[in-house]
């Protein structure tokens, strides 16, 4: 095979290898997502893909009910649950409330955002 034929083979083979690698990684990612979703249990503390923290209260085939505050339960698509909370996240989120954030909001009697843009 001359050098021109080898170059043509290389031009043909590289895109095929790239496509094969993309399909392989996508299938691997989908398998991990399916395994994670099936491993969810009631009582797990999780984070949604939009960053919402909560505890799973009920699970269905396609739906998860997440308690985000005492007495507040949200119904989400099960695929929206992105990950389980780590111990550091759980410890950091349990003490958060208005008092933990400080009294900066209580200092002004104006509405939120009224001090923006010189108003």
PDB file of N, CA and C in Angstrom:
ATOM      1  N   UNK A   1       0.854  -1.171   0.000  1.00  0.00           N
ATOM      2  CA  UNK A   1       0.000   0.000   0.000  1.00  0.00           C
ATOM      3  C   UNK A   1       0.902   1.237   0.000  1.00  0.00           C
ATOM      4  N   UNK A   2       0.628   2.178  -0.864  1.00  0.00           N
ATOM      5  CA  UNK A   2       1.448   3.386  -0.909  1.00  0.00           C
ATOM      6  C   UNK A   2       1.020   4.354   0.185  1.00  0.00           C
ATOM      7  N   UNK A   3       1.759   5.427   0.325  1.00  0.00           N
ATOM      8  CA  UNK A   3       1.483   6.378   1.409  1.00  0.00           C
ATOM      9  C   UNK A   3       0.154   7.094   1.203  1.00  0.00           C
ATOM     10  N   UNK A   4      -0.269   7.271  -0.034  1.00  0.00           N
ATOM     11  CA  UNK A   4      -1.555   7.916  -0.308  1.00  0.00           C
ATOM     12  C   UNK A   4      -2.713   7.027   0.155  1.00  0.00           C
ATOM     13  N   UNK A   5      -2.593   5.721  -0.022  1.00  0.00           N
ATOM     14  CA  UNK A   5      -3.626   4.780   0.428  1.00  0.00           C
ATOM     15  C   UNK A   5      -3.698   4.706   1.942  1.00  0.00           C
ATOM     16  N   UNK A   6      -2.555   4.755   2.608  1.00  0.00           N
ATOM     17  CA  UNK A   6      -2.542   4.732   4.068  1.00  0.00           C
ATOM     18  C   UNK A   6      -3.184   5.991   4.631  1.00  0.00           C
ATOM     19  N   UNK A   7      -2.926   7.109   3.991  1.00  0.00           N
ATOM     20  CA  UNK A   7      -3.518   8.366   4.432  1.00  0.00           C
ATOM     21  C   UNK A   7      -5.035   8.334   4.258  1.00  0.00           C
ATOM     22  N   UNK A   8      -5.512   7.779   3.159  1.00  0.00           N
ATOM     23  CA  UNK A   8      -6.951   7.666   2.927  1.00  0.00           C
ATOM     24  C   UNK A   8      -7.595   6.745   3.956  1.00  0.00           C
ATOM     25  N   UNK A   9      -6.928   5.660   4.293  1.00  0.00           N
ATOM     26  CA  UNK A   9      -7.434   4.752   5.310  1.00  0.00           C
ATOM     27  C   UNK A   9      -7.506   5.436   6.668  1.00  0.00           C
ATOM     28  N   UNK A  10      -6.504   6.230   6.983  1.00  0.00           N
ATOM     29  CA  UNK A  10      -6.476   6.969   8.239  1.00  0.00           C
ATOM     30  C   UNK A  10      -7.609   7.991   8.293  1.00  0.00           C
ATOM     31  N   UNK A  11      -7.840   8.688   7.210  1.00  0.00           N
ATOM     32  CA  UNK A  11      -8.930   9.668   7.131  1.00  0.00           C
ATOM     33  C   UNK A  11     -10.274   8.973   7.326  1.00  0.00           C
ATOM     34  N   UNK A  12     -10.427   7.761   6.835  1.00  0.00           N
ATOM     35  CA  UNK A  12     -11.670   7.017   6.967  1.00  0.00           C
ATOM     36  C   UNK A  12     -11.824   6.408   8.367  1.00  0.00           C
ATOM     37  N   UNK A  13     -10.724   5.924   8.953  1.00  0.00           N
ATOM     38  CA  UNK A  13     -10.781   5.205  10.226  1.00  0.00           C
ATOM     39  C   UNK A  13     -10.954   6.125  11.436  1.00  0.00           C
ATOM     40  N   UNK A  14     -10.339   7.293  11.431  1.00  0.00           N
ATOM     41  CA  UNK A  14     -10.414   8.175  12.596  1.00  0.00           C
ATOM     42  C   UNK A  14     -11.840   8.602  12.947  1.00  0.00           C
ATOM     43  N   UNK A  15     -12.672   9.047  12.004  1.00  0.00           N
ATOM     44  CA  UNK A  15     -14.058   9.373  12.368  1.00  0.00           C
ATOM     45  C   UNK A  15     -14.837   8.170  12.885  1.00  0.00           C
ATOM     46  N   UNK A  16     -14.577   6.989  12.320  1.00  0.00           N
ATOM     47  CA  UNK A  16     -15.262   5.789  12.805  1.00  0.00           C
ATOM     48  C   UNK A  16     -14.860   5.465  14.246  1.00  0.00           C
ATOM     49  N   UNK A  17     -13.579   5.601  14.551  1.00  0.00           N
ATOM     50  CA  UNK A  17     -13.123   5.370  15.920  1.00  0.00           C
ATOM     51  C   UNK A  17     -13.722   6.394  16.880  1.00  0.00           C
ATOM     52  N   UNK A  18     -13.801   7.635  16.460  1.00  0.00           N
ATOM     53  CA  UNK A  18     -14.397   8.679  17.285  1.00  0.00           C
ATOM     54  C   UNK A  18     -15.874   8.389  17.555  1.00  0.00           C
ATOM     55  N   UNK A  19     -16.609   8.008  16.517  1.00  0.00           N
ATOM     56  CA  UNK A  19     -18.021   7.659  16.702  1.00  0.00           C
ATOM     57  C   UNK A  19     -18.190   6.457  17.630  1.00  0.00           C
ATOM     58  N   UNK A  20     -17.351   5.450  17.475  1.00  0.00           N
ATOM     59  CA  UNK A  20     -17.415   4.291  18.357  1.00  0.00           C
ATOM     60  C   UNK A  20     -17.155   4.674  19.797  1.00  0.00           C
ATOM     61  N   UNK A  21     -16.188   5.534  20.029  1.00  0.00           N
ATOM     62  CA  UNK A  21     -15.882   5.980  21.393  1.00  0.00           C
ATOM     63  C   UNK A  21     -17.035   6.797  21.973  1.00  0.00           C
ATOM     64  N   UNK A  22     -17.660   7.652  21.158  1.00  0.00           N
ATOM     65  CA  UNK A  22     -18.798   8.446  21.634  1.00  0.00           C
ATOM     66  C   UNK A  22     -19.980   7.556  22.015  1.00  0.00           C
ATOM     67  N   UNK A  23     -20.280   6.561  21.191  1.00  0.00           N
ATOM     68  CA  UNK A  23     -21.372   5.633  21.517  1.00  0.00           C
ATOM     69  C   UNK A  23     -21.062   4.852  22.789  1.00  0.00           C
ATOM     70  N   UNK A  24     -19.832   4.414  22.939  1.00  0.00           N
ATOM     71  CA  UNK A  24     -19.434   3.656  24.132  1.00  0.00           C
ATOM     72  C   UNK A  24     -19.599   4.491  25.392  1.00  0.00           C
ATOM     73  N   UNK A  25     -19.112   5.727  25.396  1.00  0.00           N
ATOM     74  CA  UNK A  25     -19.210   6.564  26.598  1.00  0.00           C
ATOM     75  C   UNK A  25     -20.654   6.943  26.901  1.00  0.00           C
ATOM     76  N   UNK A  26     -21.470   7.181  25.867  1.00  0.00           N
ATOM     77  CA  UNK A  26     -22.872   7.513  26.085  1.00  0.00           C
ATOM     78  C   UNK A  26     -23.615   6.332  26.700  1.00  0.00           C
ATOM     79  N   UNK A  27     -23.383   5.119  26.193  1.00  0.00           N
ATOM     80  CA  UNK A  27     -24.032   3.935  26.758  1.00  0.00           C
ATOM     81  C   UNK A  27     -23.593   3.700  28.199  1.00  0.00           C
ATOM     82  N   UNK A  28     -22.319   3.935  28.478  1.00  0.00           N
ATOM     83  CA  UNK A  28     -21.813   3.770  29.846  1.00  0.00           C
ATOM     84  C   UNK A  28     -22.493   4.766  30.792  1.00  0.00           C
ATOM     85  N   UNK A  29     -22.638   6.022  30.357  1.00  0.00           N
ATOM     86  CA  UNK A  29     -23.280   7.053  31.173  1.00  0.00           C
ATOM     87  C   UNK A  29     -24.758   6.724  31.404  1.00  0.00           C
ATOM     88  N   UNK A  30     -25.443   6.245  30.367  1.00  0.00           N
ATOM     89  CA  UNK A  30     -26.852   5.882  30.510  1.00  0.00           C
ATOM     90  C   UNK A  30     -27.027   4.713  31.472  1.00  0.00           C
ATOM     91  N   UNK A  31     -26.122   3.743  31.430  1.00  0.00           N
ATOM     92  CA  UNK A  31     -26.183   2.604  32.337  1.00  0.00           C
ATOM     93  C   UNK A  31     -25.987   3.066  33.780  1.00  0.00           C
ATOM     94  N   UNK A  32     -25.039   3.970  34.020  1.00  0.00           N
ATOM     95  CA  UNK A  32     -24.818   4.487  35.369  1.00  0.00           C
ATOM     96  C   UNK A  32     -26.049   5.243  35.869  1.00  0.00           C
ATOM     97  N   UNK A  33     -26.695   6.005  35.002  1.00  0.00           N
ATOM     98  CA  UNK A  33     -27.894   6.746  35.385  1.00  0.00           C
ATOM     99  C   UNK A  33     -29.036   5.805  35.740  1.00  0.00           C
ATOM    100  N   UNK A  34     -29.227   4.752  34.945  1.00  0.00           N
ATOM    101  CA  UNK A  34     -30.275   3.767  35.237  1.00  0.00           C
ATOM    102  C   UNK A  34     -30.011   3.064  36.560  1.00  0.00           C
ATOM    103  N   UNK A  35     -28.753   2.690  36.813  1.00  0.00           N
ATOM    104  CA  UNK A  35     -28.408   2.015  38.066  1.00  0.00           C
ATOM    105  C   UNK A  35     -28.636   2.934  39.255  1.00  0.00           C
ATOM    106  N   UNK A  36     -28.271   4.210  39.123  1.00  0.00           N
ATOM    107  CA  UNK A  36     -28.477   5.161  40.214  1.00  0.00           C
ATOM    108  C   UNK A  36     -29.959   5.335  40.501  1.00  0.00           C
ATOM    109  N   UNK A  37     -30.749   5.496  39.439  1.00  0.00           N
ATOM    110  CA  UNK A  37     -32.179   5.706  39.611  1.00  0.00           C
ATOM    111  C   UNK A  37     -32.853   4.499  40.268  1.00  0.00           C
ATOM    112  N   UNK A  38     -32.426   3.316  39.901  1.00  0.00           N
ATOM    113  CA  UNK A  38     -33.031   2.117  40.496  1.00  0.00           C
ATOM    114  C   UNK A  38     -32.548   1.881  41.923  1.00  0.00           C
ATOM    115  N   UNK A  39     -31.428   2.475  42.316  1.00  0.00           N
ATOM    116  CA  UNK A  39     -30.896   2.295  43.668  1.00  0.00           C
ATOM    117  C   UNK A  39     -31.462   3.295  44.670  1.00  0.00           C
ATOM    118  N   UNK A  40     -32.297   4.230  44.221  1.00  0.00           N
ATOM    119  CA  UNK A  40     -32.883   5.206  45.142  1.00  0.00           C
ATOM    120  C   UNK A  40     -33.856   4.521  46.085  1.00  0.00           C
ATOM    121  N   UNK A  41     -33.860   4.963  47.338  1.00  0.00           N
ATOM    122  CA  UNK A  41     -34.748   4.406  48.349  1.00  0.00           C
ATOM    123  C   UNK A  41     -35.459   5.527  49.088  1.00  0.00           C
ATOM    124  N   UNK A  42     -36.575   5.194  49.700  1.00  0.00           N
ATOM    125  CA  UNK A  42     -37.293   6.154  50.527  1.00  0.00           C
ATOM    126  C   UNK A  42     -36.403   6.500  51.722  1.00  0.00           C
ATOM    127  N   UNK A  43     -36.323   7.797  52.017  1.00  0.00           N
ATOM    128  CA  UNK A  43     -35.490   8.269  53.116  1.00  0.00           C
ATOM    129  C   UNK A  43     -34.122   8.756  52.680  1.00  0.00           C
ATOM    130  N   UNK A  44     -33.734   8.509  51.431  1.00  0.00           N
ATOM    131  CA  UNK A  44     -32.447   9.002  50.930  1.00  0.00           C
ATOM    132  C   UNK A  44     -32.492  10.521  50.829  1.00  0.00           C
ATOM    133  N   UNK A  45     -31.408  11.156  51.240  1.00  0.00           N
ATOM    134  CA  UNK A  45     -31.290  12.604  51.086  1.00  0.00           C
ATOM    135  C   UNK A  45     -30.560  12.853  49.779  1.00  0.00           C
ATOM    136  N   UNK A  46     -31.204  13.600  48.885  1.00  0.00           N
ATOM    137  CA  UNK A  46     -30.711  13.741  47.521  1.00  0.00           C
ATOM    138  C   UNK A  46     -30.670  15.210  47.100  1.00  0.00           C
ATOM    139  N   UNK A  47     -30.031  15.446  45.948  1.00  0.00           N
ATOM    140  CA  UNK A  47     -29.984  16.749  45.302  1.00  0.00           C
ATOM    141  C   UNK A  47     -30.517  16.558  43.889  1.00  0.00           C
ATOM    142  N   UNK A  48     -31.405  17.452  43.457  1.00  0.00           N
ATOM    143  CA  UNK A  48     -31.948  17.357  42.108  1.00  0.00           C
ATOM    144  C   UNK A  48     -30.987  18.014  41.118  1.00  0.00           C
ATOM    145  N   UNK A  49     -31.258  17.847  39.843  1.00  0.00           N
ATOM    146  CA  UNK A  49     -30.408  18.439  38.816  1.00  0.00           C
ATOM    147  C   UNK A  49     -30.475  19.961  38.836  1.00  0.00           C
ATOM    148  N   UNK A  50     -31.512  20.534  39.425  1.00  0.00           N
ATOM    149  CA  UNK A  50     -31.617  21.991  39.527  1.00  0.00           C
ATOM    150  C   UNK A  50     -31.051  22.514  40.841  1.00  0.00           C
ATOM    151  N   UNK A  51     -30.528  21.619  41.693  1.00  0.00           N
ATOM    152  CA  UNK A  51     -29.875  22.053  42.926  1.00  0.00           C
ATOM    153  C   UNK A  51     -30.767  22.053  44.152  1.00  0.00           C
ATOM    154  N   UNK A  52     -31.926  21.447  44.086  1.00  0.00           N
ATOM    155  CA  UNK A  52     -32.848  21.388  45.208  1.00  0.00           C
ATOM    156  C   UNK A  52     -32.459  20.237  46.126  1.00  0.00           C
ATOM    157  N   UNK A  53     -32.356  20.505  47.439  1.00  0.00           N
ATOM    158  CA  UNK A  53     -32.026  19.481  48.416  1.00  0.00           C
ATOM    159  C   UNK A  53     -33.318  18.968  49.032  1.00  0.00           C
ATOM    160  N   UNK A  54     -33.389  17.664  49.278  1.00  0.00           N
ATOM    161  CA  UNK A  54     -34.579  17.116  49.895  1.00  0.00           C
ATOM    162  C   UNK A  54     -34.414  15.661  50.261  1.00  0.00           C
ATOM    163  N   UNK A  55     -35.468  15.121  50.886  1.00  0.00           N
ATOM    164  CA  UNK A  55     -35.510  13.726  51.311  1.00  0.00           C
ATOM    165  C   UNK A  55     -36.625  13.022  50.551  1.00  0.00           C
ATOM    166  N   UNK A  56     -36.332  11.854  50.015  1.00  0.00           N
ATOM    167  CA  UNK A  56     -37.331  11.091  49.262  1.00  0.00           C
ATOM    168  C   UNK A  56     -38.363  10.538  50.230  1.00  0.00           C
ATOM    169  N   UNK A  57     -39.633  10.853  49.967  1.00  0.00           N
ATOM    170  CA  UNK A  57     -40.724  10.372  50.809  1.00  0.00           C
ATOM    171  C   UNK A  57     -41.527   9.262  50.151  1.00  0.00           C
ATOM    172  N   UNK A  58     -41.548   9.234  48.816  1.00  0.00           N
ATOM    173  CA  UNK A  58     -42.296   8.200  48.095  1.00  0.00           C
ATOM    174  C   UNK A  58     -41.663   8.036  46.718  1.00  0.00           C
ATOM    175  N   UNK A  59     -41.628   6.810  46.231  1.00  0.00           N
ATOM    176  CA  UNK A  59     -41.077   6.529  44.903  1.00  0.00           C
ATOM    177  C   UNK A  59     -42.081   5.763  44.071  1.00  0.00           C
ATOM    178  N   UNK A  60     -42.095   6.079  42.806  1.00  0.00           N
ATOM    179  CA  UNK A  60     -42.925   5.419  41.815  1.00  0.00           C
ATOM    180  C   UNK A  60     -41.989   4.993  40.691  1.00  0.00           C
ATOM    181  N   UNK A  61     -42.511   4.368  39.661  1.00  0.00           N
ATOM    182  CA  UNK A  61     -41.668   3.989  38.530  1.00  0.00           C
ATOM    183  C   UNK A  61     -41.048   5.202  37.853  1.00  0.00           C
ATOM    184  N   UNK A  62     -41.811   6.267  37.722  1.00  0.00           N
ATOM    185  CA  UNK A  62     -41.324   7.452  37.016  1.00  0.00           C
ATOM    186  C   UNK A  62     -41.289   8.705  37.884  1.00  0.00           C
ATOM    187  N   UNK A  63     -41.801   8.638  39.105  1.00  0.00           N
ATOM    188  CA  UNK A  63     -41.962   9.828  39.923  1.00  0.00           C
ATOM    189  C   UNK A  63     -41.318   9.652  41.289  1.00  0.00           C
ATOM    190  N   UNK A  64     -40.811  10.754  41.830  1.00  0.00           N
ATOM    191  CA  UNK A  64     -40.277  10.776  43.195  1.00  0.00           C
ATOM    192  C   UNK A  64     -40.903  11.950  43.923  1.00  0.00           C
ATOM    193  N   UNK A  65     -41.346  11.738  45.149  1.00  0.00           N
ATOM    194  CA  UNK A  65     -41.877  12.797  45.979  1.00  0.00           C
ATOM    195  C   UNK A  65     -40.777  13.187  46.956  1.00  0.00           C
ATOM    196  N   UNK A  66     -40.382  14.454  46.904  1.00  0.00           N
ATOM    197  CA  UNK A  66     -39.262  14.962  47.673  1.00  0.00           C
ATOM    198  C   UNK A  66     -39.758  15.952  48.718  1.00  0.00           C
ATOM    199  N   UNK A  67     -39.412  15.708  49.982  1.00  0.00           N
ATOM    200  CA  UNK A  67     -39.742  16.665  51.030  1.00  0.00           C
ATOM    201  C   UNK A  67     -38.582  17.647  51.121  1.00  0.00           C
ATOM    202  N   UNK A  68     -38.837  18.912  50.783  1.00  0.00           N
ATOM    203  CA  UNK A  68     -37.792  19.921  50.766  1.00  0.00           C
ATOM    204  C   UNK A  68     -37.811  20.781  52.022  1.00  0.00           C
ATOM    205  N   UNK A  69     -38.923  20.812  52.723  1.00  0.00           N
ATOM    206  CA  UNK A  69     -39.066  21.497  54.000  1.00  0.00           C
ATOM    207  C   UNK A  69     -40.164  20.774  54.764  1.00  0.00           C
ATOM    208  N   UNK A  70     -40.247  21.031  56.030  1.00  0.00           N
ATOM    209  CA  UNK A  70     -41.259  20.349  56.835  1.00  0.00           C
ATOM    210  C   UNK A  70     -42.646  20.695  56.308  1.00  0.00           C
ATOM    211  N   UNK A  71     -43.362  19.675  55.854  1.00  0.00           N
ATOM    212  CA  UNK A  71     -44.693  19.865  55.320  1.00  0.00           C
ATOM    213  C   UNK A  71     -44.748  20.260  53.849  1.00  0.00           C
ATOM    214  N   UNK A  72     -43.608  20.390  53.198  1.00  0.00           N
ATOM    215  CA  UNK A  72     -43.575  20.767  51.782  1.00  0.00           C
ATOM    216  C   UNK A  72     -42.988  19.624  50.974  1.00  0.00           C
ATOM    217  N   UNK A  73     -43.835  18.988  50.168  1.00  0.00           N
ATOM    218  CA  UNK A  73     -43.415  17.861  49.346  1.00  0.00           C
ATOM    219  C   UNK A  73     -43.605  18.214  47.882  1.00  0.00           C
ATOM    220  N   UNK A  74     -42.581  17.957  47.092  1.00  0.00           N
ATOM    221  CA  UNK A  74     -42.639  18.218  45.661  1.00  0.00           C
ATOM    222  C   UNK A  74     -42.653  16.907  44.895  1.00  0.00           C
ATOM    223  N   UNK A  75     -43.411  16.877  43.819  1.00  0.00           N
ATOM    224  CA  UNK A  75     -43.460  15.707  42.942  1.00  0.00           C
ATOM    225  C   UNK A  75     -42.567  15.984  41.748  1.00  0.00           C
ATOM    226  N   UNK A  76     -41.564  15.141  41.551  1.00  0.00           N
ATOM    227  CA  UNK A  76     -40.587  15.330  40.488  1.00  0.00           C
ATOM    228  C   UNK A  76     -40.493  14.090  39.623  1.00  0.00           C
ATOM    229  N   UNK A  77     -40.037  14.286  38.406  1.00  0.00           N
ATOM    230  CA  UNK A  77     -39.685  13.158  37.573  1.00  0.00           C
ATOM    231  C   UNK A  77     -38.465  12.498  38.206  1.00  0.00           C
ATOM    232  N   UNK A  78     -38.445  11.196  38.253  1.00  0.00           N
ATOM    233  CA  UNK A  78     -37.358  10.475  38.909  1.00  0.00           C
ATOM    234  C   UNK A  78     -35.993  10.774  38.294  1.00  0.00           C
ATOM    235  N   UNK A  79     -35.980  11.114  37.006  1.00  0.00           N
ATOM    236  CA  UNK A  79     -34.722  11.443  36.327  1.00  0.00           C
ATOM    237  C   UNK A  79     -34.145  12.775  36.786  1.00  0.00           C
ATOM    238  N   UNK A  80     -34.946  13.602  37.468  1.00  0.00           N
ATOM    239  CA  UNK A  80     -34.463  14.901  37.944  1.00  0.00           C
ATOM    240  C   UNK A  80     -33.568  14.759  39.177  1.00  0.00           C
ATOM    241  N   UNK A  81     -33.594  13.605  39.834  1.00  0.00           N
ATOM    242  CA  UNK A  81     -32.719  13.385  40.988  1.00  0.00           C
ATOM    243  C   UNK A  81     -31.320  13.116  40.456  1.00  0.00           C
ATOM    244  N   UNK A  82     -30.377  14.014  40.795  1.00  0.00           N
ATOM    245  CA  UNK A  82     -29.042  13.940  40.205  1.00  0.00           C
ATOM    246  C   UNK A  82     -28.076  13.131  41.050  1.00  0.00           C
ATOM    247  N   UNK A  83     -28.113  13.290  42.378  1.00  0.00           N
ATOM    248  CA  UNK A  83     -27.152  12.585  43.220  1.00  0.00           C
ATOM    249  C   UNK A  83     -27.647  12.538  44.657  1.00  0.00           C
ATOM    250  N   UNK A  84     -27.055  11.619  45.410  1.00  0.00           N
ATOM    251  CA  UNK A  84     -27.332  11.556  46.835  1.00  0.00           C
ATOM    252  C   UNK A  84     -26.460  12.584  47.542  1.00  0.00           C
ATOM    253  N   UNK A  85     -26.976  13.118  48.634  1.00  0.00           N
ATOM    254  CA  UNK A  85     -26.202  14.092  49.398  1.00  0.00           C
ATOM    255  C   UNK A  85     -25.059  13.387  50.118  1.00  0.00           C
ATOM    256  N   UNK A  86     -23.927  14.054  50.181  1.00  0.00           N
ATOM    257  CA  UNK A  86     -22.808  13.535  50.954  1.00  0.00           C
ATOM    258  C   UNK A  86     -22.999  13.928  52.412  1.00  0.00           C
ATOM    259  N   UNK A  87     -22.223  13.351  53.299  1.00  0.00           N
ATOM    260  CA  UNK A  87     -22.338  13.662  54.726  1.00  0.00           C
ATOM    261  C   UNK A  87     -22.062  15.138  54.996  1.00  0.00           C
ATOM    262  N   UNK A  88     -21.118  15.741  54.260  1.00  0.00           N
ATOM    263  CA  UNK A  88     -20.809  17.159  54.454  1.00  0.00           C
ATOM    264  C   UNK A  88     -21.984  18.031  54.032  1.00  0.00           C
ATOM    265  N   UNK A  89     -22.663  17.658  52.951  1.00  0.00           N
ATOM    266  CA  UNK A  89     -23.819  18.418  52.501  1.00  0.00           C
ATOM    267  C   UNK A  89     -24.966  18.288  53.480  1.00  0.00           C
ATOM    268  N   UNK A  90     -25.164  17.089  54.038  1.00  0.00           N
ATOM    269  CA  UNK A  90     -26.240  16.866  54.991  1.00  0.00           C
ATOM    270  C   UNK A  90     -25.993  17.688  56.246  1.00  0.00           C
ATOM    271  N   UNK A  91     -24.757  17.695  56.764  1.00  0.00           N
ATOM    272  CA  UNK A  91     -24.434  18.445  57.967  1.00  0.00           C
ATOM    273  C   UNK A  91     -24.563  19.941  57.735  1.00  0.00           C
ATOM    274  N   UNK A  92     -24.212  20.413  56.550  1.00  0.00           N
ATOM    275  CA  UNK A  92     -24.290  21.828  56.247  1.00  0.00           C
ATOM    276  C   UNK A  92     -25.696  22.319  56.008  1.00  0.00           C
ATOM    277  N   UNK A  93     -26.590  21.457  55.553  1.00  0.00           N
ATOM    278  CA  UNK A  93     -27.938  21.897  55.215  1.00  0.00           C
ATOM    279  C   UNK A  93     -28.908  21.776  56.379  1.00  0.00           C
ATOM    280  N   UNK A  94     -28.569  21.055  57.438  1.00  0.00           N
ATOM    281  CA  UNK A  94     -29.525  20.865  58.524  1.00  0.00           C
ATOM    282  C   UNK A  94     -29.693  22.109  59.370  1.00  0.00           C
ATOM    283  N   UNK A  95     -28.656  22.916  59.527  1.00  0.00           N
ATOM    284  CA  UNK A  95     -28.751  24.092  60.373  1.00  0.00           C
ATOM    285  C   UNK A  95     -29.079  25.360  59.622  1.00  0.00           C
ATOM    286  N   UNK A  96     -29.354  25.266  58.332  1.00  0.00           N
ATOM    287  CA  UNK A  96     -29.612  26.471  57.560  1.00  0.00           C
ATOM    288  C   UNK A  96     -31.051  26.923  57.734  1.00  0.00           C
ATOM    289  N   UNK A  97     -31.201  28.159  57.987  1.00  0.00           N
ATOM    290  CA  UNK A  97     -32.503  28.785  58.105  1.00  0.00           C
ATOM    291  C   UNK A  97     -32.295  30.275  58.060  1.00  0.00           C
ATOM    292  N   UNK A  98     -33.313  31.029  58.323  1.00  0.00           N
ATOM    293  CA  UNK A  98     -33.196  32.485  58.295  1.00  0.00           C
ATOM    294  C   UNK A  98     -32.217  32.968  59.353  1.00  0.00           C
ATOM    295  N   UNK A  99     -32.232  32.364  60.542  1.00  0.00           N
ATOM    296  CA  UNK A  99     -31.313  32.780  61.602  1.00  0.00           C
ATOM    297  C   UNK A  99     -29.872  32.463  61.257  1.00  0.00           C
ATOM    298  N   UNK A 100     -29.634  31.372  60.542  1.00  0.00           N
ATOM    299  CA  UNK A 100     -28.273  30.987  60.181  1.00  0.00           C
ATOM    300  C   UNK A 100     -27.693  31.918  59.126  1.00  0.00           C
ATOM    301  N   UNK A 101     -28.560  32.575  58.353  1.00  0.00           N
ATOM    302  CA  UNK A 101     -28.086  33.466  57.307  1.00  0.00           C
ATOM    303  C   UNK A 101     -27.729  34.844  57.845  1.00  0.00           C
ATOM    304  N   UNK A 102     -28.140  35.152  59.029  1.00  0.00           N
ATOM    305  CA  UNK A 102     -27.826  36.458  59.612  1.00  0.00           C
ATOM    306  C   UNK A 102     -29.016  37.379  59.521  1.00  0.00           C
ATOM    307  N   UNK A 103     -28.875  38.563  60.093  1.00  0.00           N
ATOM    308  CA  UNK A 103     -29.967  39.523  60.138  1.00  0.00           C
ATOM    309  C   UNK A 103     -29.795  40.641  59.123  1.00  0.00           C
ATOM    310  N   UNK A 104     -29.059  40.391  58.054  1.00  0.00           N
ATOM    311  CA  UNK A 104     -28.821  41.426  57.048  1.00  0.00           C
ATOM    312  C   UNK A 104     -30.116  41.852  56.375  1.00  0.00           C
ATOM    313  N   UNK A 105     -31.024  40.928  56.159  1.00  0.00           N
ATOM    314  CA  UNK A 105     -32.293  41.264  55.507  1.00  0.00           C
ATOM    315  C   UNK A 105     -33.201  42.047  56.443  1.00  0.00           C
ATOM    316  N   UNK A 106     -33.077  41.842  57.741  1.00  0.00           N
ATOM    317  CA  UNK A 106     -33.934  42.524  58.696  1.00  0.00           C
ATOM    318  C   UNK A 106     -33.512  43.970  58.910  1.00  0.00           C
ATOM    319  N   UNK A 107     -32.291  44.337  58.515  1.00  0.00           N
ATOM    320  CA  UNK A 107     -31.774  45.670  58.771  1.00  0.00           C
ATOM    321  C   UNK A 107     -32.489  46.726  57.942  1.00  0.00           C
ATOM    322  N   UNK A 108     -32.939  46.398  56.773  1.00  0.00           N
ATOM    323  CA  UNK A 108     -33.610  47.393  55.934  1.00  0.00           C
ATOM    324  C   UNK A 108     -35.093  47.098  55.893  1.00  0.00           C
ATOM    325  N   UNK A 109     -35.874  48.168  55.862  1.00  0.00           N
ATOM    326  CA  UNK A 109     -37.329  48.011  55.807  1.00  0.00           C
ATOM    327  C   UNK A 109     -37.844  48.102  54.383  1.00  0.00           C
ATOM    328  N   UNK A 110     -36.946  48.133  53.405  1.00  0.00           N
ATOM    329  CA  UNK A 110     -37.351  48.248  52.013  1.00  0.00           C
ATOM    330  C   UNK A 110     -37.585  46.863  51.415  1.00  0.00           C
ATOM    331  N   UNK A 111     -38.181  46.867  50.254  1.00  0.00           N
ATOM    332  CA  UNK A 111     -38.416  45.602  49.567  1.00  0.00           C
ATOM    333  C   UNK A 111     -37.138  45.103  48.957  1.00  0.00           C
ATOM    334  N   UNK A 112     -37.012  43.792  48.763  1.00  0.00           N
ATOM    335  CA  UNK A 112     -35.797  43.251  48.159  1.00  0.00           C
ATOM    336  C   UNK A 112     -35.581  43.837  46.767  1.00  0.00           C
ATOM    337  N   UNK A 113     -34.356  44.243  46.507  1.00  0.00           N
ATOM    338  CA  UNK A 113     -34.001  44.763  45.200  1.00  0.00           C
ATOM    339  C   UNK A 113     -34.234  46.250  45.039  1.00  0.00           C
ATOM    340  N   UNK A 114     -34.818  46.925  46.039  1.00  0.00           N
ATOM    341  CA  UNK A 114     -35.081  48.353  45.870  1.00  0.00           C
ATOM    342  C   UNK A 114     -33.804  49.175  45.946  1.00  0.00           C
ATOM    343  N   UNK A 115     -32.745  48.610  46.530  1.00  0.00           N
ATOM    344  CA  UNK A 115     -31.497  49.353  46.618  1.00  0.00           C
ATOM    345  C   UNK A 115     -30.652  49.174  45.359  1.00  0.00           C
ATOM    346  N   UNK A 116     -31.088  48.338  44.444  1.00  0.00           N
ATOM    347  CA  UNK A 116     -30.345  48.125  43.211  1.00  0.00           C
ATOM    348  C   UNK A 116     -30.566  49.288  42.253  1.00  0.00           C
ATOM    349  N   UNK A 117     -29.575  49.547  41.464  1.00  0.00           N
ATOM    350  CA  UNK A 117     -29.646  50.576  40.418  1.00  0.00           C
ATOM    351  C   UNK A 117     -29.917  51.965  40.976  1.00  0.00           C
ATOM    352  N   UNK A 118     -29.497  52.226  42.197  1.00  0.00           N
ATOM    353  CA  UNK A 118     -29.615  53.558  42.767  1.00  0.00           C
ATOM    354  C   UNK A 118     -31.015  53.951  43.152  1.00  0.00           C
ATOM    355  N   UNK A 119     -31.915  53.031  43.310  1.00  0.00           N
ATOM    356  CA  UNK A 119     -33.307  53.370  43.657  1.00  0.00           C
ATOM    357  C   UNK A 119     -33.475  53.442  45.142  1.00  0.00           C
TER     358      UNK A 119
END
